[in-house]
Amino acid sequence: MSFQLKKATKGSLAISDKLGRIMWKTEQKEWNIGLLNVEIDVSNYPSGAYQLIWNDNSGQSVVNWVKMN
């Protein structure tokens, strides 16, 4: 997964399933400015709807996505 930050930011990423269970997460840490790449292995996740959640001191952003086997 790739994403871009306009300024260095302390935050965390998580993936939850449709029941709200956290399937994967990072610790809260300082992320550098610019284009960032994070390797996330979802090969063992069942088919279904998931959310990628970004949390930082200014709030939360959520991206919904679907995995199909």
Protein backbone atom coordinates (compact mmCIF):
# COMPACT_ATOMS: atom_id res chain seq x y z
CA MET A 1 0.00 0.00 0.00
CA SER A 2 1.23 3.49 -0.81
CA PHE A 3 0.16 6.81 0.67
CA GLN A 4 1.51 10.32 0.81
CA LEU A 5 1.94 12.68 3.75
CA LYS A 6 2.34 16.44 3.31
CA LYS A 7 4.21 16.74 6.62
CA ALA A 8 5.89 14.40 9.08
CA THR A 9 3.10 13.05 11.27
CA LYS A 10 2.75 10.83 14.32
CA GLY A 11 0.06 8.27 13.55
CA SER A 12 -0.88 4.62 13.10
CA LEU A 13 -2.47 2.35 10.51
CA ALA A 14 -4.88 -0.52 11.13
CA ILE A 15 -7.05 -2.95 9.18
CA SER A 16 -10.39 -4.05 10.60
CA ASP A 17 -12.98 -6.47 9.31
CA LYS A 18 -16.68 -5.66 8.95
CA LEU A 19 -17.27 -6.68 12.58
CA GLY A 20 -14.71 -4.13 13.78
CA ARG A 21 -12.06 -6.68 14.74
CA ILE A 22 -8.52 -5.38 14.25
CA MET A 23 -6.75 -7.75 11.84
CA TRP A 24 -3.46 -5.83 11.57
CA LYS A 25 -2.00 -2.64 13.01
CA THR A 26 1.15 -0.60 13.40
CA GLU A 27 2.30 1.05 16.57
CA GLN A 28 1.81 4.80 16.73
CA LYS A 29 5.02 6.25 15.31
CA GLU A 30 6.48 9.22 13.45
CA TRP A 31 5.90 8.86 9.69
CA ASN A 32 8.14 10.82 7.31
CA ILE A 33 6.94 13.38 4.78
CA GLY A 34 6.37 12.21 1.20
CA LEU A 35 5.33 8.99 -0.52
CA LEU A 36 5.38 5.99 1.84
CA ASN A 37 5.01 2.28 1.12
CA VAL A 38 3.80 -0.28 3.65
CA GLU A 39 3.83 -4.04 3.01
CA ILE A 40 0.65 -5.69 4.29
CA ASP A 41 0.13 -9.43 3.71
CA VAL A 42 -3.61 -10.06 3.40
CA SER A 43 -3.24 -13.42 1.62
CA ASN A 44 -4.66 -15.31 4.62
CA TYR A 45 -7.68 -12.99 5.05
CA PRO A 46 -11.01 -14.48 3.98
CA SER A 47 -13.04 -12.80 1.25
CA GLY A 48 -14.96 -9.87 2.63
CA ALA A 49 -15.17 -6.17 3.38
CA TYR A 50 -12.37 -4.45 5.31
CA GLN A 51 -11.38 -0.97 6.41
CA LEU A 52 -7.94 0.59 6.33
CA ILE A 53 -7.84 3.11 9.18
CA TRP A 54 -5.36 5.96 9.61
CA ASN A 55 -5.29 7.63 13.05
CA ASP A 56 -3.30 10.74 13.93
CA ASN A 57 -3.66 13.74 16.22
CA SER A 58 -6.03 15.47 13.80
CA GLY A 59 -8.49 12.56 13.56
CA GLN A 60 -9.21 9.41 11.63
CA SER A 61 -9.42 8.55 7.92
CA VAL A 62 -11.00 5.33 6.66
CA VAL A 63 -10.76 3.59 3.31
CA ASN A 64 -13.18 0.70 2.65
CA TRP A 65 -12.00 -2.16 0.45
CA VAL A 66 -13.07 -5.69 -0.52
CA LYS A 67 -10.89 -8.79 -0.76
CA MET A 68 -12.04 -11.45 -3.19
CA ASN A 69 -10.46 -14.92 -3.22
